[in-house]
N, C-alpha and C. Protein backbone atom coordinates (compact mmCIF):
# COMPACT_ATOMS: atom_id res chain seq x y z
N UNK A 1 -69.82 0.98 -24.30
CA UNK A 1 -69.70 2.15 -23.45
C UNK A 1 -68.88 3.22 -24.18
N UNK A 2 -69.41 4.41 -24.22
CA UNK A 2 -68.78 5.53 -24.91
C UNK A 2 -67.88 6.30 -23.95
N UNK A 3 -66.63 6.55 -24.36
CA UNK A 3 -65.71 7.33 -23.52
C UNK A 3 -66.16 8.78 -23.50
N UNK A 4 -66.12 9.41 -22.33
CA UNK A 4 -66.50 10.82 -22.22
C UNK A 4 -65.28 11.73 -22.12
N UNK A 5 -64.13 11.13 -21.81
CA UNK A 5 -62.91 11.94 -21.71
C UNK A 5 -61.70 11.08 -22.00
N UNK A 6 -60.93 11.48 -23.00
CA UNK A 6 -59.67 10.82 -23.36
C UNK A 6 -58.64 11.93 -23.54
N UNK A 7 -57.51 11.84 -22.81
CA UNK A 7 -56.47 12.85 -22.98
C UNK A 7 -55.98 12.85 -24.43
N UNK A 8 -55.80 14.03 -25.02
CA UNK A 8 -55.38 14.10 -26.41
C UNK A 8 -53.89 13.82 -26.59
N UNK A 9 -53.53 13.49 -27.83
CA UNK A 9 -52.13 13.34 -28.23
C UNK A 9 -51.64 14.68 -28.76
N UNK A 10 -50.40 15.00 -28.46
CA UNK A 10 -49.77 16.19 -29.03
C UNK A 10 -49.17 15.77 -30.36
N UNK A 11 -49.80 16.20 -31.44
CA UNK A 11 -49.37 15.82 -32.78
C UNK A 11 -48.11 16.57 -33.20
N UNK A 12 -48.00 17.85 -32.79
CA UNK A 12 -46.83 18.65 -33.16
C UNK A 12 -46.71 19.84 -32.22
N UNK A 13 -45.47 20.29 -32.02
CA UNK A 13 -45.19 21.53 -31.29
C UNK A 13 -44.00 22.19 -31.96
N UNK A 14 -44.19 23.42 -32.41
CA UNK A 14 -43.12 24.14 -33.11
C UNK A 14 -42.96 25.53 -32.53
N UNK A 15 -41.70 25.93 -32.34
CA UNK A 15 -41.35 27.28 -31.91
C UNK A 15 -41.02 28.09 -33.15
N UNK A 16 -41.60 29.29 -33.26
CA UNK A 16 -41.34 30.12 -34.44
C UNK A 16 -41.40 31.60 -34.07
N UNK A 17 -41.04 32.44 -35.05
CA UNK A 17 -41.03 33.89 -34.83
C UNK A 17 -42.42 34.50 -34.92
N UNK A 18 -43.29 33.92 -35.75
CA UNK A 18 -44.63 34.47 -35.91
C UNK A 18 -45.55 33.41 -36.51
N UNK A 19 -46.84 33.58 -36.28
CA UNK A 19 -47.87 32.72 -36.86
C UNK A 19 -48.89 33.64 -37.50
N UNK A 20 -49.18 33.39 -38.77
CA UNK A 20 -50.16 34.21 -39.50
C UNK A 20 -51.24 33.30 -40.07
N UNK A 21 -52.40 33.89 -40.33
CA UNK A 21 -53.50 33.11 -40.88
C UNK A 21 -53.88 33.64 -42.25
N UNK A 22 -53.97 32.71 -43.22
CA UNK A 22 -54.40 33.06 -44.56
C UNK A 22 -55.90 33.28 -44.58
N UNK A 23 -56.41 33.87 -45.65
CA UNK A 23 -57.85 34.07 -45.81
C UNK A 23 -58.59 32.73 -45.78
N UNK A 24 -57.91 31.66 -46.22
CA UNK A 24 -58.52 30.33 -46.24
C UNK A 24 -58.62 29.71 -44.84
N UNK A 25 -57.95 30.34 -43.87
CA UNK A 25 -57.94 29.79 -42.52
C UNK A 25 -56.68 29.00 -42.21
N UNK A 26 -55.91 28.65 -43.24
CA UNK A 26 -54.67 27.91 -43.01
C UNK A 26 -53.65 28.80 -42.32
N UNK A 27 -52.77 28.17 -41.56
CA UNK A 27 -51.76 28.92 -40.82
C UNK A 27 -50.43 28.93 -41.56
N UNK A 28 -49.71 30.04 -41.42
CA UNK A 28 -48.37 30.19 -41.96
C UNK A 28 -47.43 30.39 -40.77
N UNK A 29 -46.41 29.55 -40.67
CA UNK A 29 -45.40 29.70 -39.63
C UNK A 29 -44.23 30.47 -40.22
N UNK A 30 -43.79 31.51 -39.53
CA UNK A 30 -42.68 32.33 -39.99
C UNK A 30 -41.48 32.06 -39.09
N UNK A 31 -40.36 31.71 -39.69
CA UNK A 31 -39.11 31.54 -38.95
C UNK A 31 -39.15 30.45 -37.90
N UNK A 32 -39.34 29.20 -38.33
CA UNK A 32 -39.32 28.08 -37.38
C UNK A 32 -37.94 28.04 -36.72
N UNK A 33 -37.92 27.99 -35.38
CA UNK A 33 -36.68 28.16 -34.60
C UNK A 33 -36.20 26.84 -34.02
N UNK A 34 -34.92 26.55 -34.25
CA UNK A 34 -34.27 25.40 -33.62
C UNK A 34 -33.18 25.84 -32.66
N UNK A 35 -32.69 27.06 -32.86
CA UNK A 35 -31.67 27.65 -32.01
C UNK A 35 -31.74 29.16 -32.18
N UNK A 36 -31.12 29.88 -31.26
CA UNK A 36 -31.11 31.34 -31.32
C UNK A 36 -29.67 31.81 -31.13
N UNK A 37 -29.16 32.58 -32.10
CA UNK A 37 -27.83 33.17 -32.00
C UNK A 37 -27.96 34.64 -31.64
N UNK A 38 -27.17 35.09 -30.67
CA UNK A 38 -27.20 36.49 -30.26
C UNK A 38 -25.76 37.01 -30.17
N UNK A 39 -25.56 38.32 -30.42
CA UNK A 39 -24.20 38.87 -30.33
C UNK A 39 -23.75 39.09 -28.88
N UNK A 40 -24.69 39.23 -27.96
CA UNK A 40 -24.36 39.40 -26.55
C UNK A 40 -25.60 39.11 -25.71
N UNK A 41 -25.37 38.87 -24.43
CA UNK A 41 -26.48 38.71 -23.49
C UNK A 41 -26.33 39.76 -22.39
N UNK A 42 -27.40 40.24 -21.83
CA UNK A 42 -28.75 39.79 -22.10
C UNK A 42 -29.22 40.22 -23.49
N UNK A 43 -30.19 39.46 -24.03
CA UNK A 43 -30.80 39.75 -25.32
C UNK A 43 -32.30 39.53 -25.18
N UNK A 44 -33.06 40.16 -26.07
CA UNK A 44 -34.50 40.03 -26.01
C UNK A 44 -35.06 39.81 -27.41
N UNK A 45 -35.97 38.87 -27.55
CA UNK A 45 -36.65 38.64 -28.82
C UNK A 45 -37.90 39.52 -28.87
N UNK A 46 -38.31 39.90 -30.06
CA UNK A 46 -39.55 40.66 -30.21
C UNK A 46 -40.71 39.81 -29.67
N UNK A 47 -40.76 38.55 -30.12
CA UNK A 47 -41.74 37.60 -29.61
C UNK A 47 -41.33 36.20 -30.02
N UNK A 48 -41.81 35.23 -29.29
CA UNK A 48 -41.66 33.83 -29.64
C UNK A 48 -43.05 33.21 -29.63
N UNK A 49 -43.33 32.40 -30.64
CA UNK A 49 -44.64 31.76 -30.75
C UNK A 49 -44.47 30.25 -30.67
N UNK A 50 -45.38 29.60 -29.96
CA UNK A 50 -45.39 28.14 -29.87
C UNK A 50 -46.72 27.67 -30.46
N UNK A 51 -46.64 26.88 -31.53
CA UNK A 51 -47.82 26.32 -32.16
C UNK A 51 -47.94 24.85 -31.75
N UNK A 52 -49.07 24.49 -31.18
CA UNK A 52 -49.33 23.10 -30.77
C UNK A 52 -50.57 22.59 -31.48
N UNK A 53 -50.52 21.34 -31.89
CA UNK A 53 -51.69 20.71 -32.50
C UNK A 53 -52.02 19.44 -31.74
N UNK A 54 -53.26 19.37 -31.25
CA UNK A 54 -53.75 18.26 -30.44
C UNK A 54 -54.77 17.46 -31.23
N UNK A 55 -54.80 16.14 -31.01
CA UNK A 55 -55.75 15.28 -31.70
C UNK A 55 -55.99 14.01 -30.89
N UNK A 56 -56.94 13.20 -31.34
CA UNK A 56 -57.22 11.87 -30.78
C UNK A 56 -57.65 11.91 -29.31
N UNK A 57 -58.33 12.98 -28.92
CA UNK A 57 -58.83 13.06 -27.55
C UNK A 57 -60.31 13.40 -27.55
N UNK A 58 -60.92 13.29 -26.39
CA UNK A 58 -62.32 13.68 -26.21
C UNK A 58 -62.41 14.48 -24.92
N UNK A 59 -63.03 15.66 -25.00
CA UNK A 59 -63.28 16.43 -23.80
C UNK A 59 -62.64 17.81 -23.83
N UNK A 60 -62.71 18.48 -22.68
CA UNK A 60 -62.11 19.80 -22.50
C UNK A 60 -60.91 19.68 -21.59
N UNK A 61 -59.85 20.41 -21.95
CA UNK A 61 -58.58 20.26 -21.24
C UNK A 61 -57.91 21.62 -21.09
N UNK A 62 -56.88 21.66 -20.25
CA UNK A 62 -56.03 22.84 -20.12
C UNK A 62 -54.64 22.50 -20.61
N UNK A 63 -54.19 23.26 -21.60
CA UNK A 63 -52.82 23.15 -22.11
C UNK A 63 -51.98 24.19 -21.38
N UNK A 64 -50.76 23.81 -21.01
CA UNK A 64 -49.82 24.75 -20.40
C UNK A 64 -48.52 24.72 -21.20
N UNK A 65 -48.04 25.91 -21.57
CA UNK A 65 -46.77 26.05 -22.28
C UNK A 65 -45.83 26.83 -21.35
N UNK A 66 -44.64 26.26 -21.11
CA UNK A 66 -43.66 26.91 -20.24
C UNK A 66 -42.35 27.12 -20.97
N UNK A 67 -41.73 28.27 -20.72
CA UNK A 67 -40.36 28.55 -21.17
C UNK A 67 -39.49 28.45 -19.93
N UNK A 68 -38.48 27.57 -19.98
CA UNK A 68 -37.65 27.25 -18.83
C UNK A 68 -36.22 27.76 -19.05
N UNK A 69 -35.63 28.32 -18.00
CA UNK A 69 -34.25 28.85 -18.04
C UNK A 69 -33.23 27.72 -18.17
N UNK A 70 -31.98 28.06 -18.52
CA UNK A 70 -30.94 27.04 -18.66
C UNK A 70 -30.67 26.20 -17.41
N UNK A 71 -31.09 26.66 -16.24
CA UNK A 71 -30.91 25.82 -15.04
C UNK A 71 -31.85 24.62 -15.04
N UNK A 72 -32.79 24.59 -16.00
CA UNK A 72 -33.71 23.46 -16.14
C UNK A 72 -34.88 23.49 -15.19
N UNK A 73 -34.97 24.50 -14.33
CA UNK A 73 -36.03 24.55 -13.33
C UNK A 73 -36.83 25.85 -13.32
N UNK A 74 -36.15 26.97 -13.52
CA UNK A 74 -36.80 28.27 -13.39
C UNK A 74 -37.76 28.52 -14.55
N UNK A 75 -39.03 28.75 -14.24
CA UNK A 75 -40.03 29.04 -15.26
C UNK A 75 -39.98 30.53 -15.57
N UNK A 76 -39.60 30.86 -16.81
CA UNK A 76 -39.48 32.25 -17.23
C UNK A 76 -40.81 32.80 -17.74
N UNK A 77 -41.54 31.97 -18.45
CA UNK A 77 -42.85 32.35 -18.99
C UNK A 77 -43.76 31.13 -18.91
N UNK A 78 -45.05 31.40 -18.73
CA UNK A 78 -46.04 30.32 -18.68
C UNK A 78 -47.36 30.84 -19.22
N UNK A 79 -48.04 30.00 -20.01
CA UNK A 79 -49.34 30.36 -20.56
C UNK A 79 -50.26 29.15 -20.51
N UNK A 80 -51.50 29.37 -20.10
CA UNK A 80 -52.50 28.30 -20.07
C UNK A 80 -53.58 28.61 -21.09
N UNK A 81 -54.02 27.57 -21.81
CA UNK A 81 -55.06 27.70 -22.83
C UNK A 81 -56.05 26.57 -22.66
N UNK A 82 -57.34 26.89 -22.78
CA UNK A 82 -58.39 25.86 -22.75
C UNK A 82 -58.51 25.27 -24.15
N UNK A 83 -58.54 23.95 -24.24
CA UNK A 83 -58.73 23.28 -25.53
C UNK A 83 -59.89 22.31 -25.41
N UNK A 84 -60.58 22.08 -26.53
CA UNK A 84 -61.71 21.16 -26.53
C UNK A 84 -61.71 20.29 -27.77
N UNK A 85 -61.98 19.02 -27.57
CA UNK A 85 -62.07 18.06 -28.68
C UNK A 85 -63.37 17.27 -28.52
N UNK A 86 -64.35 17.46 -29.42
CA UNK A 86 -65.62 16.76 -29.28
C UNK A 86 -65.54 15.27 -29.61
N UNK A 87 -64.64 14.90 -30.53
CA UNK A 87 -64.45 13.49 -30.90
C UNK A 87 -62.97 13.26 -31.17
N UNK A 88 -62.54 11.99 -31.18
CA UNK A 88 -61.12 11.70 -31.48
C UNK A 88 -60.72 12.08 -32.90
N UNK A 89 -61.68 12.32 -33.79
CA UNK A 89 -61.38 12.67 -35.17
C UNK A 89 -61.15 14.16 -35.38
N UNK A 90 -61.39 14.95 -34.35
CA UNK A 90 -61.15 16.39 -34.44
C UNK A 90 -59.72 16.71 -34.01
N UNK A 91 -59.31 17.92 -34.34
CA UNK A 91 -58.02 18.42 -33.85
C UNK A 91 -58.21 19.84 -33.34
N UNK A 92 -57.27 20.29 -32.54
CA UNK A 92 -57.29 21.64 -31.98
C UNK A 92 -55.88 22.20 -32.11
N UNK A 93 -55.77 23.38 -32.70
CA UNK A 93 -54.47 24.03 -32.85
C UNK A 93 -54.43 25.26 -31.95
N UNK A 94 -53.42 25.32 -31.12
CA UNK A 94 -53.26 26.48 -30.22
C UNK A 94 -52.00 27.24 -30.59
N UNK A 95 -52.04 28.54 -30.36
CA UNK A 95 -50.88 29.39 -30.59
C UNK A 95 -50.63 30.22 -29.33
N UNK A 96 -49.45 30.06 -28.76
CA UNK A 96 -49.05 30.83 -27.59
C UNK A 96 -48.01 31.85 -28.03
N UNK A 97 -48.19 33.10 -27.63
CA UNK A 97 -47.25 34.16 -27.97
C UNK A 97 -46.62 34.68 -26.68
N UNK A 98 -45.30 34.60 -26.61
CA UNK A 98 -44.55 35.18 -25.51
C UNK A 98 -43.92 36.48 -26.04
N UNK A 99 -44.42 37.62 -25.58
CA UNK A 99 -43.90 38.92 -26.04
C UNK A 99 -42.62 39.27 -25.29
N UNK A 100 -41.64 39.69 -26.03
CA UNK A 100 -40.36 40.18 -25.53
C UNK A 100 -39.72 39.29 -24.46
N UNK A 101 -39.54 38.00 -24.78
CA UNK A 101 -38.83 37.15 -23.81
C UNK A 101 -37.36 37.54 -23.75
N UNK A 102 -36.82 37.54 -22.55
CA UNK A 102 -35.44 37.97 -22.34
C UNK A 102 -34.55 36.76 -22.07
N UNK A 103 -33.37 36.76 -22.68
CA UNK A 103 -32.36 35.73 -22.47
C UNK A 103 -31.23 36.37 -21.68
N UNK A 104 -31.20 36.08 -20.38
CA UNK A 104 -30.19 36.69 -19.50
C UNK A 104 -28.80 36.11 -19.72
N UNK A 105 -28.74 34.82 -20.08
CA UNK A 105 -27.47 34.14 -20.28
C UNK A 105 -27.55 33.27 -21.52
N UNK A 106 -26.39 32.94 -22.07
CA UNK A 106 -26.35 31.92 -23.12
C UNK A 106 -26.57 30.57 -22.45
N UNK A 107 -27.04 29.61 -23.21
CA UNK A 107 -27.28 28.28 -22.66
C UNK A 107 -28.48 27.65 -23.33
N UNK A 108 -28.87 26.50 -22.83
CA UNK A 108 -30.00 25.77 -23.41
C UNK A 108 -31.26 26.10 -22.62
N UNK A 109 -32.20 26.74 -23.28
CA UNK A 109 -33.52 27.01 -22.73
C UNK A 109 -34.42 25.85 -23.16
N UNK A 110 -35.52 25.66 -22.45
CA UNK A 110 -36.42 24.54 -22.76
C UNK A 110 -37.85 25.05 -22.88
N UNK A 111 -38.61 24.39 -23.73
CA UNK A 111 -40.04 24.63 -23.84
C UNK A 111 -40.74 23.34 -23.45
N UNK A 112 -41.68 23.46 -22.52
CA UNK A 112 -42.43 22.30 -22.03
C UNK A 112 -43.90 22.49 -22.36
N UNK A 113 -44.52 21.40 -22.85
CA UNK A 113 -45.93 21.41 -23.20
C UNK A 113 -46.65 20.38 -22.34
N UNK A 114 -47.67 20.83 -21.64
CA UNK A 114 -48.45 19.97 -20.75
C UNK A 114 -49.91 19.96 -21.19
N UNK A 115 -50.60 18.88 -20.88
CA UNK A 115 -52.06 18.84 -20.93
C UNK A 115 -52.51 18.27 -19.60
N UNK A 116 -53.39 19.00 -18.92
CA UNK A 116 -53.86 18.58 -17.59
C UNK A 116 -52.69 18.26 -16.66
N UNK A 117 -51.67 19.10 -16.65
CA UNK A 117 -50.48 18.96 -15.80
C UNK A 117 -49.65 17.71 -16.10
N UNK A 118 -49.89 17.07 -17.24
CA UNK A 118 -49.08 15.93 -17.67
C UNK A 118 -48.13 16.40 -18.77
N UNK A 119 -46.83 16.27 -18.53
CA UNK A 119 -45.84 16.70 -19.51
C UNK A 119 -45.94 15.84 -20.76
N UNK A 120 -46.12 16.49 -21.92
CA UNK A 120 -46.21 15.78 -23.19
C UNK A 120 -44.89 15.84 -23.96
N UNK A 121 -44.21 16.99 -23.89
CA UNK A 121 -42.92 17.12 -24.58
C UNK A 121 -42.12 18.24 -23.93
N UNK A 122 -40.81 18.06 -23.95
CA UNK A 122 -39.87 19.09 -23.48
C UNK A 122 -38.76 19.15 -24.51
N UNK A 123 -38.58 20.31 -25.15
CA UNK A 123 -37.54 20.38 -26.17
C UNK A 123 -36.58 21.54 -25.92
N UNK A 124 -35.30 21.32 -26.28
CA UNK A 124 -34.27 22.33 -26.03
C UNK A 124 -34.20 23.36 -27.15
N UNK A 125 -33.87 24.59 -26.76
CA UNK A 125 -33.59 25.65 -27.72
C UNK A 125 -32.31 26.34 -27.24
N UNK A 126 -31.16 25.98 -27.86
CA UNK A 126 -29.90 26.60 -27.46
C UNK A 126 -29.85 28.09 -27.84
N UNK A 127 -29.38 28.90 -26.90
CA UNK A 127 -29.10 30.32 -27.16
C UNK A 127 -27.59 30.47 -27.07
N UNK A 128 -26.98 30.86 -28.21
CA UNK A 128 -25.52 30.90 -28.31
C UNK A 128 -25.03 32.30 -28.63
N UNK A 129 -23.87 32.63 -28.08
CA UNK A 129 -23.19 33.87 -28.42
C UNK A 129 -22.39 33.66 -29.69
N UNK A 130 -22.60 34.52 -30.67
CA UNK A 130 -21.83 34.45 -31.91
C UNK A 130 -21.37 35.86 -32.26
N UNK A 131 -20.17 35.94 -32.78
CA UNK A 131 -19.64 37.22 -33.22
C UNK A 131 -19.94 37.39 -34.70
N UNK A 132 -20.45 38.57 -35.10
CA UNK A 132 -20.67 38.78 -36.53
C UNK A 132 -19.32 38.85 -37.24
N UNK A 133 -19.27 38.48 -38.52
CA UNK A 133 -18.01 38.57 -39.27
C UNK A 133 -17.49 40.01 -39.25
N UNK A 134 -16.18 40.15 -39.24
CA UNK A 134 -15.56 41.48 -39.21
C UNK A 134 -16.04 42.32 -40.38
N UNK A 135 -16.46 43.54 -40.11
CA UNK A 135 -16.90 44.46 -41.16
C UNK A 135 -18.33 44.25 -41.60
N UNK A 136 -19.00 43.24 -41.08
CA UNK A 136 -20.38 42.98 -41.49
C UNK A 136 -21.33 43.89 -40.72
N UNK A 137 -22.37 44.33 -41.40
CA UNK A 137 -23.41 45.12 -40.74
C UNK A 137 -24.24 44.19 -39.87
N UNK A 138 -24.75 44.67 -38.76
CA UNK A 138 -25.59 43.81 -37.92
C UNK A 138 -26.79 43.29 -38.71
N UNK A 139 -27.10 42.01 -38.53
CA UNK A 139 -28.21 41.40 -39.24
C UNK A 139 -29.53 41.87 -38.64
N UNK A 140 -30.52 42.03 -39.49
CA UNK A 140 -31.87 42.33 -39.01
C UNK A 140 -32.48 41.02 -38.55
N UNK A 141 -32.82 40.93 -37.30
CA UNK A 141 -33.43 39.70 -36.79
C UNK A 141 -34.46 40.06 -35.75
N UNK A 142 -35.15 39.04 -35.27
CA UNK A 142 -36.16 39.25 -34.24
C UNK A 142 -35.57 39.34 -32.86
N UNK A 143 -34.24 39.24 -32.72
CA UNK A 143 -33.61 39.29 -31.41
C UNK A 143 -32.81 40.57 -31.29
N UNK A 144 -33.01 41.29 -30.19
CA UNK A 144 -32.29 42.54 -29.99
C UNK A 144 -31.47 42.48 -28.72
N UNK A 145 -30.49 43.33 -28.65
CA UNK A 145 -29.69 43.44 -27.43
C UNK A 145 -30.48 44.29 -26.44
N UNK A 146 -30.30 44.01 -25.16
CA UNK A 146 -30.99 44.85 -24.17
C UNK A 146 -30.07 45.17 -23.03
């Protein structure tokens, strides 16, 4: 008996500043993010990108990416994407772009990745207040004060 639908595995999920595509079709991740330092809050990023790679599934599915506030419950941003895998040997790479996400407070924000409303991964991204060194010019970064 041939399976007609198998939920896929999330092979990887990475938060970064940008995703670009080479002429060959390969992807380039710019500024993989593990934490975000800001001089003050509220602060706003130009954009945040979430790259997900799915494999080992069969069928059509809905992926949901959520950005969660430090309270662990409030959904700040949400995006749904349709994904399809014809065989378990295929993979599907999705890129979600959140334009100008705002960080109202310092704290640990979370990114949650779902397939068919089933949570696959939830990872923390700390947003911290840091003071620039005395006399230093402000650094050019993807995060601005607002």
